[in-house]
Protein backbone atom coordinates (compact mmCIF):
# COMPACT_ATOMS: atom_id res chain seq x y z
CA MET A 1 172.89 18.47 82.98
CA PRO A 2 176.39 17.61 84.23
CA ALA A 3 177.67 14.05 83.87
CA ALA A 4 177.99 13.55 87.61
CA VAL A 5 176.53 14.77 90.87
CA PRO A 6 179.37 16.46 92.79
CA TYR A 7 178.04 15.43 96.20
CA ALA A 8 177.59 11.82 95.11
CA THR A 9 181.05 11.82 93.54
CA GLN A 10 182.52 13.09 96.79
CA LEU A 11 180.70 10.40 98.75
CA MET A 12 181.90 7.69 96.37
CA ASN A 13 185.48 8.35 97.48
CA GLU A 14 184.66 7.10 100.96
CA THR A 15 185.48 3.53 102.02
CA VAL A 16 183.45 1.65 104.58
CA GLN A 17 184.68 -1.51 106.29
CA LYS A 18 182.77 -4.23 108.12
CA THR A 19 183.13 -7.94 108.69
CA PRO A 20 181.57 -10.58 106.45
CA THR A 21 179.34 -12.99 108.31
CA THR A 22 180.81 -16.06 106.64
CA VAL A 23 184.30 -15.52 108.00
CA LYS A 24 185.67 -14.70 111.40
CA PRO A 25 184.03 -11.73 113.18
CA ARG A 26 186.00 -8.52 112.82
CA ALA A 27 187.28 -8.47 116.41
CA SER A 28 188.36 -12.09 116.10
CA ARG A 29 190.18 -11.40 112.86
CA GLN A 30 191.97 -8.41 114.37
CA ARG A 31 192.98 -10.53 117.36
CA ALA A 32 194.06 -13.35 115.07
CA ALA A 33 196.23 -10.97 113.08
CA ARG A 34 197.96 -9.66 116.18
CA GLU A 35 198.55 -13.18 117.43
CA ALA A 36 199.89 -14.29 114.07
CA ALA A 37 202.27 -11.34 113.92
CA ALA A 38 203.54 -12.06 117.40
CA THR A 39 203.94 -15.81 116.93
CA PRO A 40 207.49 -17.11 116.27
CA GLY A 41 207.78 -18.26 112.67
CA ALA A 42 204.72 -16.28 111.61
CA ASP A 43 204.48 -14.43 108.31
CA ARG A 44 207.27 -11.99 107.72
CA VAL A 45 204.82 -9.16 107.18
CA ARG A 46 203.90 -7.86 110.62
CA ILE A 47 200.30 -6.77 110.99
CA ASN A 48 200.42 -3.57 113.01
CA ASP A 49 197.15 -2.34 111.53
CA PRO A 50 194.76 -5.26 110.94
CA ASP A 51 191.96 -3.05 109.60
CA ARG A 52 194.23 -1.50 107.01
CA THR A 53 195.64 -4.88 106.03
CA MET A 54 192.20 -6.42 105.59
CA ALA A 55 191.03 -3.38 103.61
CA ASN A 56 194.04 -3.75 101.31
CA ILE A 57 193.36 -7.45 100.80
CA LEU A 58 189.70 -6.74 100.02
CA GLN A 59 190.60 -3.99 97.56
CA VAL A 60 193.04 -6.19 95.64
CA ALA A 61 190.74 -9.21 95.83
CA THR A 62 187.86 -7.13 94.48
CA ALA A 63 189.83 -6.38 91.31
CA GLU A 64 190.96 -10.00 90.99
CA PHE A 65 187.49 -11.52 91.41
CA ALA A 66 185.89 -8.87 89.19
CA ASP A 67 188.42 -9.49 86.43
CA LYS A 68 188.78 -13.28 86.65
CA GLY A 69 185.78 -14.57 88.58
CA LEU A 70 185.88 -16.91 91.54
CA ALA A 71 187.40 -19.79 89.59
CA GLY A 72 190.06 -17.74 87.84
CA ALA A 73 191.26 -15.59 90.73
CA ARG A 74 194.35 -16.86 92.56
CA ILE A 75 195.08 -16.40 96.25
CA ASP A 76 198.81 -16.49 95.45
CA GLU A 77 198.39 -13.45 93.22
CA ILE A 78 196.34 -11.58 95.81
CA ALA A 79 198.95 -12.38 98.46
CA ALA A 80 201.76 -11.12 96.23
CA LEU A 81 199.95 -7.88 95.43
CA THR A 82 199.24 -7.21 99.09
CA SER A 83 202.74 -8.14 100.35
CA THR A 84 201.27 -10.78 102.62
CA SER A 85 200.81 -14.55 102.28
CA LYS A 86 198.19 -17.19 101.58
CA ARG A 87 198.48 -18.23 105.21
CA MET A 88 197.57 -14.77 106.45
CA ILE A 89 194.70 -14.38 103.99
CA TYR A 90 193.27 -17.71 105.09
CA TYR A 91 193.81 -16.64 108.69
CA TYR A 92 191.58 -13.64 108.08
CA PHE A 93 188.97 -15.08 105.75
CA GLY A 94 189.08 -18.85 106.19
CA SER A 95 189.16 -19.85 102.53
CA LYS A 96 189.09 -18.53 98.97
CA GLU A 97 185.31 -18.69 99.04
CA GLY A 98 185.28 -16.85 102.36
CA LEU A 99 187.35 -14.05 100.82
CA TYR A 100 185.03 -13.94 97.82
CA VAL A 101 181.97 -13.56 100.05
CA ALA A 102 183.78 -10.86 102.03
CA VAL A 103 184.43 -9.01 98.76
CA LEU A 104 180.76 -9.23 97.80
CA GLU A 105 179.72 -7.98 101.22
CA GLU A 106 182.14 -5.07 101.05
CA ALA A 107 180.91 -4.14 97.58
CA TYR A 108 177.30 -3.94 98.74
CA ARG A 109 178.26 -2.30 102.02
CA ARG A 110 180.03 0.52 100.23
CA ILE A 111 177.22 1.47 97.87
CA ARG A 112 174.55 1.19 100.55
CA SER A 113 176.58 3.23 103.02
CA ILE A 114 177.08 6.03 100.50
CA GLU A 115 173.39 5.93 99.55
CA SER A 116 172.51 6.56 103.18
CA GLU A 117 174.47 9.83 103.02
CA LEU A 118 172.25 11.24 100.28
CA HIS A 119 169.68 12.28 102.95
CA LEU A 120 166.77 11.65 100.62
CA GLU A 121 164.34 12.19 103.46
CA ASP A 122 165.25 15.90 103.46
CA LEU A 123 164.31 16.38 99.79
CA PRO A 124 160.91 16.73 98.10
CA PRO A 125 159.82 13.37 96.61
CA GLU A 126 160.62 14.03 92.94
CA GLN A 127 163.94 15.67 93.74
CA ALA A 128 164.79 12.78 96.06
CA LEU A 129 164.00 10.28 93.30
CA ARG A 130 166.10 12.19 90.77
CA THR A 131 168.97 12.31 93.25
CA LEU A 132 168.81 8.57 93.95
CA VAL A 133 168.64 7.60 90.27
CA GLY A 134 171.39 10.02 89.30
CA PHE A 135 173.59 8.70 92.08
CA THR A 136 173.01 5.12 90.98
CA VAL A 137 173.98 5.95 87.39
CA ASP A 138 177.11 7.78 88.54
CA TYR A 139 178.17 5.14 91.05
CA GLN A 140 177.87 2.21 88.71
CA LEU A 141 179.71 4.00 85.91
CA ALA A 142 182.50 4.90 88.34
CA ASN A 143 182.65 1.39 89.83
CA PRO A 144 182.55 -1.16 87.00
CA ASP A 145 184.10 -3.79 89.28
CA PHE A 146 180.85 -3.77 91.27
CA ILE A 147 178.91 -4.62 88.11
CA ARG A 148 181.37 -7.36 87.17
CA LEU A 149 181.13 -8.89 90.63
CA VAL A 150 177.33 -8.95 90.39
CA MET A 151 177.49 -10.45 86.91
CA ASN A 152 179.91 -13.11 88.12
CA GLU A 153 177.72 -13.96 91.10
CA ASN A 154 174.73 -14.30 88.79
CA MET A 155 176.74 -16.89 86.85
CA HIS A 156 176.90 -18.75 90.18
CA ARG A 157 173.11 -18.29 90.42
CA GLY A 158 173.48 -16.27 93.62
CA GLU A 159 175.02 -19.20 95.48
CA PHE A 160 177.44 -17.17 97.57
CA ILE A 161 175.23 -14.14 98.15
CA SER A 162 172.63 -16.57 99.47
CA ARG A 163 175.11 -17.64 102.15
CA SER A 164 175.44 -14.10 103.47
CA THR A 165 172.80 -12.71 105.80
CA THR A 166 174.92 -9.55 105.88
CA ILE A 167 174.20 -8.76 102.23
CA GLN A 168 170.50 -9.33 102.72
CA GLN A 169 170.50 -6.98 105.70
CA LEU A 170 172.56 -4.37 103.85
CA ASN A 171 169.91 -4.12 101.15
CA ILE A 172 166.99 -3.55 103.51
CA PRO A 173 167.70 0.20 103.99
CA VAL A 174 167.67 0.96 100.27
CA ILE A 175 164.21 -0.57 99.90
CA HIS A 176 163.05 1.45 102.90
CA ALA A 177 164.49 4.59 101.30
CA VAL A 178 162.81 3.91 97.96
CA ARG A 179 159.52 3.13 99.71
CA ASP A 180 159.71 6.34 101.76
CA VAL A 181 160.39 8.51 98.69
CA TYR A 182 157.65 6.79 96.73
CA GLU A 183 155.03 6.95 99.48
CA ARG A 184 155.75 10.62 100.12
CA GLY A 185 155.31 11.21 96.39
CA VAL A 186 152.00 9.35 96.37
CA ALA A 187 150.79 11.31 99.41
CA SER A 188 151.66 14.62 97.73
CA GLY A 189 150.08 13.57 94.43
CA VAL A 190 153.25 13.58 92.30
CA PHE A 191 153.48 9.76 91.96
CA ARG A 192 150.80 7.25 91.02
CA PRO A 193 149.70 4.86 93.79
CA ASP A 194 150.11 1.43 92.16
CA VAL A 195 153.86 0.71 92.10
CA ASP A 196 155.71 -1.82 94.25
CA PRO A 197 158.86 -0.26 95.81
CA VAL A 198 160.93 -3.40 95.20
CA ASP A 199 159.88 -3.37 91.54
CA LEU A 200 160.81 0.31 91.36
CA HIS A 201 164.24 -0.43 92.83
CA MET A 202 164.69 -3.23 90.30
CA SER A 203 163.81 -0.92 87.41
CA ILE A 204 166.31 1.70 88.58
CA SER A 205 169.00 -0.94 88.99
CA ALA A 206 168.28 -2.50 85.59
CA LEU A 207 168.61 0.75 83.65
CA CYS A 208 171.80 1.77 85.45
CA PHE A 209 173.30 -1.74 85.28
CA PHE A 210 172.89 -1.93 81.50
CA ASN A 211 175.03 1.18 81.10
CA VAL A 212 178.08 -0.69 82.34
CA ALA A 213 177.31 -4.35 81.63
CA ASN A 214 176.39 -3.85 77.96
CA GLN A 215 178.19 -0.68 76.95
CA HIS A 216 180.87 -2.43 74.84
CA THR A 217 178.60 -4.84 73.00
CA PHE A 218 175.91 -2.22 72.45
CA GLY A 219 178.47 0.30 71.24
CA ALA A 220 180.04 -2.19 68.86
CA ILE A 221 176.72 -3.33 67.38
CA PHE A 222 175.20 0.11 66.92
CA LYS A 223 178.47 1.98 66.29
CA ARG A 224 177.87 4.45 69.08
CA SER A 225 180.41 5.68 71.59
CA LEU A 226 178.77 5.45 75.00
CA ASP A 227 181.64 6.61 77.20
CA THR A 228 182.09 10.21 76.07
CA PRO A 229 181.05 12.96 78.53
CA ALA A 230 178.22 14.04 76.23
CA ALA A 231 176.89 10.49 75.77
CA THR A 232 177.15 9.79 79.49
CA ALA A 233 175.28 12.98 80.41
CA GLN A 234 172.56 12.32 77.84
CA ARG A 235 172.03 8.74 78.97
CA ARG A 236 172.03 9.78 82.63
CA GLU A 237 169.28 12.32 81.95
CA SER A 238 167.28 9.78 79.95
CA ILE A 239 167.35 7.24 82.76
CA ILE A 240 166.26 9.80 85.34
CA GLU A 241 163.42 11.01 83.12
CA MET A 242 162.22 7.47 82.35
CA ILE A 243 161.91 6.63 86.04
CA VAL A 244 160.26 9.92 86.99
CA ARG A 245 157.75 9.76 84.13
CA PHE A 246 157.00 6.12 84.92
CA LEU A 247 155.82 7.21 88.36
CA ARG A 248 153.81 10.25 87.38
CA PRO A 249 150.01 9.96 87.57
């Protein structure tokens, strides 16, 4: 089996933008940016494209927070890398914590948006499940910053995710998708009828998460290279098979 699903890989190149609930609404932030750019004495960087500017800030901030955590990341560094200023970043996001929550929201928004393009409802239940699990493996391997952000937020005991109703709402569709695939499988007799969809989603996430979160320590302890194409393909197939066989009657 190939190491990646071409369609999922293509989808992973897409970027989806939306406003975090803990900072100014998107329209307000766009308006604020235009006003700031037009105000005498405002930042030297003119904001002719607020969406693009905010996307750039979120992209750079994602790498900073993933690499250094909330405490270690510096707004000055993010401002320098985006050719803007602390003043403009605070104008958009309100505070360092507001930017951090916006980064978390964008990270979840992106994966959930791409998942919705898999069209699982058009596939037979087992094929749909294999597609979803394979996509999750591929996405997390290709986006280690997402894993690091989640790990960092767990160190905060979910404090900032708990502040965001947006993230909670973003994760509702994936549970609906898992439930739909599972219930169709039960109805057709290919899946056993005693599994909770949220527990199933957690099991998928756990197996895929470990691939990224523990690959270096596991590789060092057991002297195995986990990032070669062959190892990646083998592990991907193992995860898919474990989930499918777990659900079989």
